[in-house]
C-alpha cells in the first residue's frame, strides 16, 4: 500500500477528528517546513522515524544510455533518508520462530 497525502489526510481526520481541510493544512505546513529546512542545507531529524540529510555531490562523468557518449554531470545537492535504528531493526528483524509439537 502506498501512502500519499490524500490517504494521510483521511487517516488524520478519522483518527483525531480534524476536518479534512484542517488535516490537509497540517500535512502541507509540515512538509513545507521540512522542504524549507532542506533547501537551507539543514538536516531534518524526526525522532523514532529517521533523518533527511542534505549531501553535496561533486561533478562526475556520466554516459548517455542511448548513444553511449560521455557527458559531464554537474555538481548538485541531493537529499537522502536514513531510517532510525529502532525502525530499521523493526523492519529487518527475522520473523518469529514457530515450533511445532510432534
PDB file of N, CA and C in Angstrom:
ATOM      1  N   UNK A   1       0.848  -1.180   0.000  1.00  0.00           N
ATOM      2  CA  UNK A   1       0.000   0.000   0.000  1.00  0.00           C
ATOM      3  C   UNK A   1       0.887   1.234   0.000  1.00  0.00           C
ATOM      4  N   UNK A   2       0.585   2.156  -0.868  1.00  0.00           N
ATOM      5  CA  UNK A   2       1.355   3.389  -0.876  1.00  0.00           C
ATOM      6  C   UNK A   2       0.613   4.437  -0.064  1.00  0.00           C
ATOM      7  N   UNK A   3       1.375   5.289   0.573  1.00  0.00           N
ATOM      8  CA  UNK A   3       0.795   6.322   1.427  1.00  0.00           C
ATOM      9  C   UNK A   3       1.017   7.663   0.757  1.00  0.00           C
ATOM     10  N   UNK A   4      -0.062   8.312   0.341  1.00  0.00           N
ATOM     11  CA  UNK A   4       0.056   9.624  -0.264  1.00  0.00           C
ATOM     12  C   UNK A   4      -0.626  10.655   0.637  1.00  0.00           C
ATOM     13  N   UNK A   5      -0.603  11.914   0.212  1.00  0.00           N
ATOM     14  CA  UNK A   5      -1.157  12.967   1.059  1.00  0.00           C
ATOM     15  C   UNK A   5      -2.654  12.785   1.299  1.00  0.00           C
ATOM     16  N   UNK A   6      -3.377  12.326   0.287  1.00  0.00           N
ATOM     17  CA  UNK A   6      -4.818  12.125   0.462  1.00  0.00           C
ATOM     18  C   UNK A   6      -5.118  11.050   1.502  1.00  0.00           C
ATOM     19  N   UNK A   7      -4.408   9.927   1.423  1.00  0.00           N
ATOM     20  CA  UNK A   7      -4.662   8.865   2.395  1.00  0.00           C
ATOM     21  C   UNK A   7      -4.200   9.282   3.791  1.00  0.00           C
ATOM     22  N   UNK A   8      -3.121  10.051   3.870  1.00  0.00           N
ATOM     23  CA  UNK A   8      -2.661  10.569   5.158  1.00  0.00           C
ATOM     24  C   UNK A   8      -3.695  11.528   5.742  1.00  0.00           C
ATOM     25  N   UNK A   9      -4.298  12.350   4.897  1.00  0.00           N
ATOM     26  CA  UNK A   9      -5.362  13.261   5.334  1.00  0.00           C
ATOM     27  C   UNK A   9      -6.538  12.479   5.900  1.00  0.00           C
ATOM     28  N   UNK A  10      -6.920  11.419   5.212  1.00  0.00           N
ATOM     29  CA  UNK A  10      -8.027  10.572   5.681  1.00  0.00           C
ATOM     30  C   UNK A  10      -7.726   9.961   7.049  1.00  0.00           C
ATOM     31  N   UNK A  11      -6.500   9.467   7.218  1.00  0.00           N
ATOM     32  CA  UNK A  11      -6.113   8.844   8.478  1.00  0.00           C
ATOM     33  C   UNK A  11      -6.152   9.854   9.613  1.00  0.00           C
ATOM     34  N   UNK A  12      -5.560  11.038   9.392  1.00  0.00           N
ATOM     35  CA  UNK A  12      -5.513  12.058  10.445  1.00  0.00           C
ATOM     36  C   UNK A  12      -6.907  12.558  10.789  1.00  0.00           C
ATOM     37  N   UNK A  13      -7.734  12.812   9.783  1.00  0.00           N
ATOM     38  CA  UNK A  13      -9.080  13.310  10.077  1.00  0.00           C
ATOM     39  C   UNK A  13      -9.910  12.255  10.795  1.00  0.00           C
ATOM     40  N   UNK A  14      -9.752  10.999  10.423  1.00  0.00           N
ATOM     41  CA  UNK A  14     -10.506   9.928  11.080  1.00  0.00           C
ATOM     42  C   UNK A  14     -10.028   9.636  12.487  1.00  0.00           C
ATOM     43  N   UNK A  15      -8.713   9.632  12.682  1.00  0.00           N
ATOM     44  CA  UNK A  15      -8.162   9.246  13.985  1.00  0.00           C
ATOM     45  C   UNK A  15      -8.257  10.363  15.021  1.00  0.00           C
ATOM     46  N   UNK A  16      -8.077  11.625  14.577  1.00  0.00           N
ATOM     47  CA  UNK A  16      -8.021  12.721  15.537  1.00  0.00           C
ATOM     48  C   UNK A  16      -9.218  13.669  15.470  1.00  0.00           C
ATOM     49  N   UNK A  17     -10.145  13.414  14.555  1.00  0.00           N
ATOM     50  CA  UNK A  17     -11.361  14.206  14.491  1.00  0.00           C
ATOM     51  C   UNK A  17     -11.209  15.581  13.848  1.00  0.00           C
ATOM     52  N   UNK A  18     -10.096  15.844  13.171  1.00  0.00           N
ATOM     53  CA  UNK A  18      -9.941  17.107  12.451  1.00  0.00           C
ATOM     54  C   UNK A  18     -10.746  17.044  11.163  1.00  0.00           C
ATOM     55  N   UNK A  19     -11.127  18.197  10.665  1.00  0.00           N
ATOM     56  CA  UNK A  19     -11.774  18.225   9.356  1.00  0.00           C
ATOM     57  C   UNK A  19     -10.727  17.869   8.302  1.00  0.00           C
ATOM     58  N   UNK A  20     -11.206  17.466   7.138  1.00  0.00           N
ATOM     59  CA  UNK A  20     -10.259  17.122   6.070  1.00  0.00           C
ATOM     60  C   UNK A  20      -9.460  18.347   5.650  1.00  0.00           C
ATOM     61  N   UNK A  21     -10.088  19.518   5.670  1.00  0.00           N
ATOM     62  CA  UNK A  21      -9.381  20.752   5.313  1.00  0.00           C
ATOM     63  C   UNK A  21      -8.268  21.032   6.311  1.00  0.00           C
ATOM     64  N   UNK A  22      -8.566  20.891   7.604  1.00  0.00           N
ATOM     65  CA  UNK A  22      -7.556  21.142   8.654  1.00  0.00           C
ATOM     66  C   UNK A  22      -6.444  20.098   8.578  1.00  0.00           C
ATOM     67  N   UNK A  23      -6.794  18.853   8.325  1.00  0.00           N
ATOM     68  CA  UNK A  23      -5.784  17.792   8.186  1.00  0.00           C
ATOM     69  C   UNK A  23      -4.855  18.073   7.013  1.00  0.00           C
ATOM     70  N   UNK A  24      -5.419  18.526   5.903  1.00  0.00           N
ATOM     71  CA  UNK A  24      -4.614  18.868   4.736  1.00  0.00           C
ATOM     72  C   UNK A  24      -3.670  20.019   5.049  1.00  0.00           C
ATOM     73  N   UNK A  25      -4.170  21.036   5.766  1.00  0.00           N
ATOM     74  CA  UNK A  25      -3.325  22.172   6.151  1.00  0.00           C
ATOM     75  C   UNK A  25      -2.166  21.721   7.031  1.00  0.00           C
ATOM     76  N   UNK A  26      -2.432  20.828   7.995  1.00  0.00           N
ATOM     77  CA  UNK A  26      -1.374  20.324   8.876  1.00  0.00           C
ATOM     78  C   UNK A  26      -0.287  19.611   8.077  1.00  0.00           C
ATOM     79  N   UNK A  27      -0.699  18.754   7.167  1.00  0.00           N
ATOM     80  CA  UNK A  27       0.262  18.000   6.359  1.00  0.00           C
ATOM     81  C   UNK A  27       1.061  18.939   5.462  1.00  0.00           C
ATOM     82  N   UNK A  28       0.368  19.844   4.773  1.00  0.00           N
ATOM     83  CA  UNK A  28       1.045  20.778   3.873  1.00  0.00           C
ATOM     84  C   UNK A  28       2.033  21.664   4.627  1.00  0.00           C
ATOM     85  N   UNK A  29       1.642  22.173   5.792  1.00  0.00           N
ATOM     86  CA  UNK A  29       2.532  23.025   6.579  1.00  0.00           C
ATOM     87  C   UNK A  29       3.750  22.257   7.079  1.00  0.00           C
ATOM     88  N   UNK A  30       3.544  21.034   7.521  1.00  0.00           N
ATOM     89  CA  UNK A  30       4.653  20.208   7.989  1.00  0.00           C
ATOM     90  C   UNK A  30       5.644  19.930   6.866  1.00  0.00           C
ATOM     91  N   UNK A  31       5.132  19.550   5.711  1.00  0.00           N
ATOM     92  CA  UNK A  31       6.010  19.273   4.570  1.00  0.00           C
ATOM     93  C   UNK A  31       6.724  20.528   4.098  1.00  0.00           C
ATOM     94  N   UNK A  32       6.054  21.666   4.157  1.00  0.00           N
ATOM     95  CA  UNK A  32       6.684  22.927   3.748  1.00  0.00           C
ATOM     96  C   UNK A  32       7.843  23.286   4.675  1.00  0.00           C
ATOM     97  N   UNK A  33       7.676  23.080   5.977  1.00  0.00           N
ATOM     98  CA  UNK A  33       8.759  23.342   6.936  1.00  0.00           C
ATOM     99  C   UNK A  33       9.953  22.438   6.631  1.00  0.00           C
ATOM    100  N   UNK A  34       9.687  21.158   6.379  1.00  0.00           N
ATOM    101  CA  UNK A  34      10.767  20.214   6.058  1.00  0.00           C
ATOM    102  C   UNK A  34      11.474  20.645   4.776  1.00  0.00           C
ATOM    103  N   UNK A  35      10.709  21.013   3.742  1.00  0.00           N
ATOM    104  CA  UNK A  35      11.310  21.436   2.475  1.00  0.00           C
ATOM    105  C   UNK A  35      12.165  22.688   2.654  1.00  0.00           C
ATOM    106  N   UNK A  36      11.689  23.646   3.452  1.00  0.00           N
ATOM    107  CA  UNK A  36      12.455  24.878   3.689  1.00  0.00           C
ATOM    108  C   UNK A  36      13.785  24.571   4.362  1.00  0.00           C
ATOM    109  N   UNK A  37      13.747  23.744   5.396  1.00  0.00           N
ATOM    110  CA  UNK A  37      14.983  23.406   6.112  1.00  0.00           C
ATOM    111  C   UNK A  37      15.985  22.708   5.196  1.00  0.00           C
ATOM    112  N   UNK A  38      15.494  21.777   4.384  1.00  0.00           N
ATOM    113  CA  UNK A  38      16.373  21.073   3.459  1.00  0.00           C
ATOM    114  C   UNK A  38      16.942  22.026   2.407  1.00  0.00           C
ATOM    115  N   UNK A  39      16.138  22.958   1.923  1.00  0.00           N
ATOM    116  CA  UNK A  39      16.609  23.932   0.942  1.00  0.00           C
ATOM    117  C   UNK A  39      17.688  24.834   1.523  1.00  0.00           C
ATOM    118  N   UNK A  40      17.630  25.064   2.840  1.00  0.00           N
ATOM    119  CA  UNK A  40      18.643  25.871   3.522  1.00  0.00           C
ATOM    120  C   UNK A  40      19.902  25.062   3.832  1.00  0.00           C
ATOM    121  N   UNK A  41      19.892  23.776   3.505  1.00  0.00           N
ATOM    122  CA  UNK A  41      21.054  22.929   3.723  1.00  0.00           C
ATOM    123  C   UNK A  41      21.088  22.264   5.086  1.00  0.00           C
ATOM    124  N   UNK A  42      20.005  22.357   5.839  1.00  0.00           N
ATOM    125  CA  UNK A  42      19.948  21.738   7.171  1.00  0.00           C
ATOM    126  C   UNK A  42      19.428  20.313   7.059  1.00  0.00           C
ATOM    127  N   UNK A  43      19.910  19.445   7.934  1.00  0.00           N
ATOM    128  CA  UNK A  43      19.363  18.104   8.047  1.00  0.00           C
ATOM    129  C   UNK A  43      18.086  18.176   8.883  1.00  0.00           C
ATOM    130  N   UNK A  44      17.153  17.265   8.639  1.00  0.00           N
ATOM    131  CA  UNK A  44      15.896  17.223   9.380  1.00  0.00           C
ATOM    132  C   UNK A  44      15.795  15.866  10.064  1.00  0.00           C
ATOM    133  N   UNK A  45      15.762  15.888  11.388  1.00  0.00           N
ATOM    134  CA  UNK A  45      15.658  14.669  12.181  1.00  0.00           C
ATOM    135  C   UNK A  45      14.263  14.578  12.775  1.00  0.00           C
ATOM    136  N   UNK A  46      13.586  13.475  12.526  1.00  0.00           N
ATOM    137  CA  UNK A  46      12.287  13.205  13.131  1.00  0.00           C
ATOM    138  C   UNK A  46      12.484  11.987  14.015  1.00  0.00           C
ATOM    139  N   UNK A  47      12.463  12.208  15.318  1.00  0.00           N
ATOM    140  CA  UNK A  47      12.754  11.139  16.279  1.00  0.00           C
ATOM    141  C   UNK A  47      11.864   9.929  16.045  1.00  0.00           C
ATOM    142  N   UNK A  48      12.438   8.760  16.187  1.00  0.00           N
ATOM    143  CA  UNK A  48      11.776   7.464  16.016  1.00  0.00           C
ATOM    144  C   UNK A  48      11.271   7.224  14.603  1.00  0.00           C
ATOM    145  N   UNK A  49      11.685   8.064  13.652  1.00  0.00           N
ATOM    146  CA  UNK A  49      11.295   7.866  12.265  1.00  0.00           C
ATOM    147  C   UNK A  49      12.530   7.806  11.382  1.00  0.00           C
ATOM    148  N   UNK A  50      13.305   8.901  11.359  1.00  0.00           N
ATOM    149  CA  UNK A  50      14.508   8.910  10.543  1.00  0.00           C
ATOM    150  C   UNK A  50      15.049  10.304  10.342  1.00  0.00           C
ATOM    151  N   UNK A  51      16.052  10.409   9.483  1.00  0.00           N
ATOM    152  CA  UNK A  51      16.743  11.672   9.263  1.00  0.00           C
ATOM    153  C   UNK A  51      16.885  11.924   7.757  1.00  0.00           C
ATOM    154  N   UNK A  52      16.457  13.106   7.332  1.00  0.00           N
ATOM    155  CA  UNK A  52      16.672  13.561   5.974  1.00  0.00           C
ATOM    156  C   UNK A  52      17.984  14.337   5.972  1.00  0.00           C
ATOM    157  N   UNK A  53      18.934  13.928   5.169  1.00  0.00           N
ATOM    158  CA  UNK A  53      20.258  14.548   5.137  1.00  0.00           C
ATOM    159  C   UNK A  53      20.500  15.179   3.776  1.00  0.00           C
ATOM    160  N   UNK A  54      21.099  16.372   3.785  1.00  0.00           N
ATOM    161  CA  UNK A  54      21.467  17.055   2.550  1.00  0.00           C
ATOM    162  C   UNK A  54      22.926  16.725   2.259  1.00  0.00           C
ATOM    163  N   UNK A  55      23.202  16.247   1.032  1.00  0.00           N
ATOM    164  CA  UNK A  55      24.566  15.902   0.630  1.00  0.00           C
ATOM    165  C   UNK A  55      24.929  16.653  -0.632  1.00  0.00           C
ATOM    166  N   UNK A  56      26.174  17.082  -0.693  1.00  0.00           N
ATOM    167  CA  UNK A  56      26.688  17.702  -1.909  1.00  0.00           C
ATOM    168  C   UNK A  56      27.408  16.635  -2.719  1.00  0.00           C
ATOM    169  N   UNK A  57      27.026  16.490  -3.977  1.00  0.00           N
ATOM    170  CA  UNK A  57      27.683  15.530  -4.856  1.00  0.00           C
ATOM    171  C   UNK A  57      28.538  16.313  -5.837  1.00  0.00           C
ATOM    172  N   UNK A  58      29.729  15.826  -6.081  1.00  0.00           N
ATOM    173  CA  UNK A  58      30.655  16.529  -6.960  1.00  0.00           C
ATOM    174  C   UNK A  58      30.354  16.219  -8.427  1.00  0.00           C
ATOM    175  N   UNK A  59      30.954  17.005  -9.272  1.00  0.00           N
ATOM    176  CA  UNK A  59      30.830  16.809 -10.713  1.00  0.00           C
ATOM    177  C   UNK A  59      31.393  15.439 -11.087  1.00  0.00           C
ATOM    178  N   UNK A  60      30.776  14.792 -12.081  1.00  0.00           N
ATOM    179  CA  UNK A  60      31.269  13.488 -12.494  1.00  0.00           C
ATOM    180  C   UNK A  60      30.981  13.256 -13.966  1.00  0.00           C
ATOM    181  N   UNK A  61      31.603  12.230 -14.497  1.00  0.00           N
ATOM    182  CA  UNK A  61      31.388  11.849 -15.892  1.00  0.00           C
ATOM    183  C   UNK A  61      30.250  10.842 -15.932  1.00  0.00           C
ATOM    184  N   UNK A  62      29.270  11.098 -16.791  1.00  0.00           N
ATOM    185  CA  UNK A  62      28.161  10.178 -16.978  1.00  0.00           C
ATOM    186  C   UNK A  62      28.128   9.709 -18.413  1.00  0.00           C
ATOM    187  N   UNK A  63      27.173   8.856 -18.713  1.00  0.00           N
ATOM    188  CA  UNK A  63      27.086   8.319 -20.068  1.00  0.00           C
ATOM    189  C   UNK A  63      25.629   8.344 -20.519  1.00  0.00           C
ATOM    190  N   UNK A  64      25.407   8.795 -21.764  1.00  0.00           N
ATOM    191  CA  UNK A  64      24.085   8.770 -22.354  1.00  0.00           C
ATOM    192  C   UNK A  64      23.770   7.322 -22.712  1.00  0.00           C
ATOM    193  N   UNK A  65      22.735   6.711 -22.103  1.00  0.00           N
ATOM    194  CA  UNK A  65      22.474   5.295 -22.364  1.00  0.00           C
ATOM    195  C   UNK A  65      22.055   5.007 -23.811  1.00  0.00           C
ATOM    196  N   UNK A  66      21.466   5.983 -24.483  1.00  0.00           N
ATOM    197  CA  UNK A  66      21.015   5.754 -25.857  1.00  0.00           C
ATOM    198  C   UNK A  66      22.174   5.768 -26.848  1.00  0.00           C
ATOM    199  N   UNK A  67      23.120   6.706 -26.652  1.00  0.00           N
ATOM    200  CA  UNK A  67      24.207   6.847 -27.625  1.00  0.00           C
ATOM    201  C   UNK A  67      25.546   6.344 -27.114  1.00  0.00           C
ATOM    202  N   UNK A  68      25.695   6.251 -25.816  1.00  0.00           N
ATOM    203  CA  UNK A  68      26.960   5.824 -25.230  1.00  0.00           C
ATOM    204  C   UNK A  68      27.971   6.947 -25.096  1.00  0.00           C
ATOM    205  N   UNK A  69      27.613   8.159 -25.512  1.00  0.00           N
ATOM    206  CA  UNK A  69      28.561   9.271 -25.425  1.00  0.00           C
ATOM    207  C   UNK A  69      28.695   9.758 -23.977  1.00  0.00           C
ATOM    208  N   UNK A  70      29.875  10.243 -23.637  1.00  0.00           N
ATOM    209  CA  UNK A  70      30.144  10.719 -22.283  1.00  0.00           C
ATOM    210  C   UNK A  70      29.632  12.143 -22.108  1.00  0.00           C
ATOM    211  N   UNK A  71      29.158  12.426 -20.907  1.00  0.00           N
ATOM    212  CA  UNK A  71      28.661  13.742 -20.533  1.00  0.00           C
ATOM    213  C   UNK A  71      29.279  14.135 -19.204  1.00  0.00           C
ATOM    214  N   UNK A  72      29.385  15.422 -18.970  1.00  0.00           N
ATOM    215  CA  UNK A  72      29.800  15.900 -17.646  1.00  0.00           C
ATOM    216  C   UNK A  72      28.537  16.256 -16.882  1.00  0.00           C
ATOM    217  N   UNK A  73      28.308  15.559 -15.797  1.00  0.00           N
ATOM    218  CA  UNK A  73      27.172  15.853 -14.927  1.00  0.00           C
ATOM    219  C   UNK A  73      27.658  16.816 -13.849  1.00  0.00           C
ATOM    220  N   UNK A  74      26.994  17.948 -13.733  1.00  0.00           N
ATOM    221  CA  UNK A  74      27.423  18.992 -12.819  1.00  0.00           C
ATOM    222  C   UNK A  74      27.251  18.618 -11.358  1.00  0.00           C
ATOM    223  N   UNK A  75      27.915  19.386 -10.510  1.00  0.00           N
ATOM    224  CA  UNK A  75      27.775  19.201  -9.068  1.00  0.00           C
ATOM    225  C   UNK A  75      26.338  19.513  -8.684  1.00  0.00           C
ATOM    226  N   UNK A  76      25.850  18.818  -7.680  1.00  0.00           N
ATOM    227  CA  UNK A  76      24.463  19.033  -7.260  1.00  0.00           C
ATOM    228  C   UNK A  76      24.297  18.688  -5.796  1.00  0.00           C
ATOM    229  N   UNK A  77      23.177  19.070  -5.278  1.00  0.00           N
ATOM    230  CA  UNK A  77      22.834  18.783  -3.885  1.00  0.00           C
ATOM    231  C   UNK A  77      21.667  17.810  -3.900  1.00  0.00           C
ATOM    232  N   UNK A  78      21.766  16.744  -3.105  1.00  0.00           N
ATOM    233  CA  UNK A  78      20.714  15.728  -3.047  1.00  0.00           C
ATOM    234  C   UNK A  78      20.279  15.519  -1.597  1.00  0.00           C
ATOM    235  N   UNK A  79      19.084  14.976  -1.447  1.00  0.00           N
ATOM    236  CA  UNK A  79      18.556  14.646  -0.126  1.00  0.00           C
ATOM    237  C   UNK A  79      18.532  13.131   0.002  1.00  0.00           C
ATOM    238  N   UNK A  80      19.047  12.638   1.105  1.00  0.00           N
ATOM    239  CA  UNK A  80      18.998  11.205   1.389  1.00  0.00           C
ATOM    240  C   UNK A  80      18.196  10.998   2.664  1.00  0.00           C
ATOM    241  N   UNK A  81      17.705   9.797   2.863  1.00  0.00           N
ATOM    242  CA  UNK A  81      16.943   9.483   4.067  1.00  0.00           C
ATOM    243  C   UNK A  81      17.571   8.281   4.747  1.00  0.00           C
ATOM    244  N   UNK A  82      17.748   8.395   6.049  1.00  0.00           N
ATOM    245  CA  UNK A  82      18.238   7.275   6.852  1.00  0.00           C
ATOM    246  C   UNK A  82      17.180   6.945   7.886  1.00  0.00           C
ATOM    247  N   UNK A  83      16.745   5.725   7.870  1.00  0.00           N
ATOM    248  CA  UNK A  83      15.734   5.260   8.812  1.00  0.00           C
ATOM    249  C   UNK A  83      16.327   5.225  10.218  1.00  0.00           C
ATOM    250  N   UNK A  84      15.509   5.529  11.224  1.00  0.00           N
ATOM    251  CA  UNK A  84      16.011   5.460  12.597  1.00  0.00           C
ATOM    252  C   UNK A  84      16.387   4.022  12.919  1.00  0.00           C
ATOM    253  N   UNK A  85      17.296   3.854  13.863  1.00  0.00           N
ATOM    254  CA  UNK A  85      17.755   2.495  14.185  1.00  0.00           C
ATOM    255  C   UNK A  85      16.625   1.640  14.734  1.00  0.00           C
ATOM    256  N   UNK A  86      15.707   2.240  15.481  1.00  0.00           N
ATOM    257  CA  UNK A  86      14.582   1.473  16.014  1.00  0.00           C
ATOM    258  C   UNK A  86      13.697   0.969  14.886  1.00  0.00           C
ATOM    259  N   UNK A  87      13.416   1.816  13.902  1.00  0.00           N
ATOM    260  CA  UNK A  87      12.592   1.404  12.764  1.00  0.00           C
ATOM    261  C   UNK A  87      13.339   0.392  11.889  1.00  0.00           C
ATOM    262  N   UNK A  88      14.628   0.605  11.696  1.00  0.00           N
ATOM    263  CA  UNK A  88      15.412  -0.312  10.869  1.00  0.00           C
ATOM    264  C   UNK A  88      15.435  -1.700  11.492  1.00  0.00           C
ATOM    265  N   UNK A  89      15.614  -1.758  12.811  1.00  0.00           N
ATOM    266  CA  UNK A  89      15.619  -3.061  13.490  1.00  0.00           C
ATOM    267  C   UNK A  89      14.263  -3.732  13.374  1.00  0.00           C
ATOM    268  N   UNK A  90      13.206  -2.948  13.484  1.00  0.00           N
ATOM    269  CA  UNK A  90      11.853  -3.490  13.411  1.00  0.00           C
ATOM    270  C   UNK A  90      11.592  -4.097  12.026  1.00  0.00           C
ATOM    271  N   UNK A  91      12.039  -3.416  10.971  1.00  0.00           N
ATOM    272  CA  UNK A  91      11.756  -3.875   9.620  1.00  0.00           C
ATOM    273  C   UNK A  91      12.719  -4.941   9.120  1.00  0.00           C
ATOM    274  N   UNK A  92      13.888  -5.059   9.743  1.00  0.00           N
ATOM    275  CA  UNK A  92      14.844  -6.042   9.248  1.00  0.00           C
ATOM    276  C   UNK A  92      14.944  -7.272  10.149  1.00  0.00           C
ATOM    277  N   UNK A  93      14.164  -7.296  11.212  1.00  0.00           N
ATOM    278  CA  UNK A  93      14.255  -8.443  12.108  1.00  0.00           C
ATOM    279  C   UNK A  93      13.619  -9.662  11.440  1.00  0.00           C
ATOM    280  N   UNK A  94      14.185 -10.830  11.692  1.00  0.00           N
ATOM    281  CA  UNK A  94      13.625 -12.038  11.091  1.00  0.00           C
ATOM    282  C   UNK A  94      12.256 -12.342  11.695  1.00  0.00           C
ATOM    283  N   UNK A  95      11.415 -13.050  10.972  1.00  0.00           N
ATOM    284  CA  UNK A  95      10.106 -13.382  11.529  1.00  0.00           C
ATOM    285  C   UNK A  95      10.267 -14.272  12.755  1.00  0.00           C
ATOM    286  N   UNK A  96       9.331 -14.189  13.699  1.00  0.00           N
ATOM    287  CA  UNK A  96       9.452 -15.012  14.894  1.00  0.00           C
ATOM    288  C   UNK A  96       9.416 -16.493  14.557  1.00  0.00           C
ATOM    289  N   UNK A  97      10.150 -17.272  15.311  1.00  0.00           N
ATOM    290  CA  UNK A  97      10.178 -18.714  15.080  1.00  0.00           C
ATOM    291  C   UNK A  97       8.904 -19.348  15.619  1.00  0.00           C
ATOM    292  N   UNK A  98       8.452 -20.338  14.927  1.00  0.00           N
ATOM    293  CA  UNK A  98       7.313 -21.104  15.421  1.00  0.00           C
ATOM    294  C   UNK A  98       7.772 -22.551  15.572  1.00  0.00           C
ATOM    295  N   UNK A  99       7.377 -23.143  16.637  1.00  0.00           N
ATOM    296  CA  UNK A  99       7.772 -24.517  16.907  1.00  0.00           C
ATOM    297  C   UNK A  99       6.531 -25.406  16.887  1.00  0.00           C
ATOM    298  N   UNK A 100       6.662 -26.539  16.255  1.00  0.00           N
ATOM    299  CA  UNK A 100       5.566 -27.499  16.210  1.00  0.00           C
ATOM    300  C   UNK A 100       5.808 -28.611  17.202  1.00  0.00           C
ATOM    301  N   UNK A 101       4.785 -28.950  17.924  1.00  0.00           N
ATOM    302  CA  UNK A 101       4.891 -30.090  18.821  1.00  0.00           C
ATOM    303  C   UNK A 101       4.559 -31.353  18.018  1.00  0.00           C
ATOM    304  N   UNK A 102       5.408 -32.352  18.170  1.00  0.00           N
ATOM    305  CA  UNK A 102       5.180 -33.599  17.445  1.00  0.00           C
ATOM    306  C   UNK A 102       4.822 -34.687  18.403  1.00  0.00           C
TER     307      UNK A 102
END
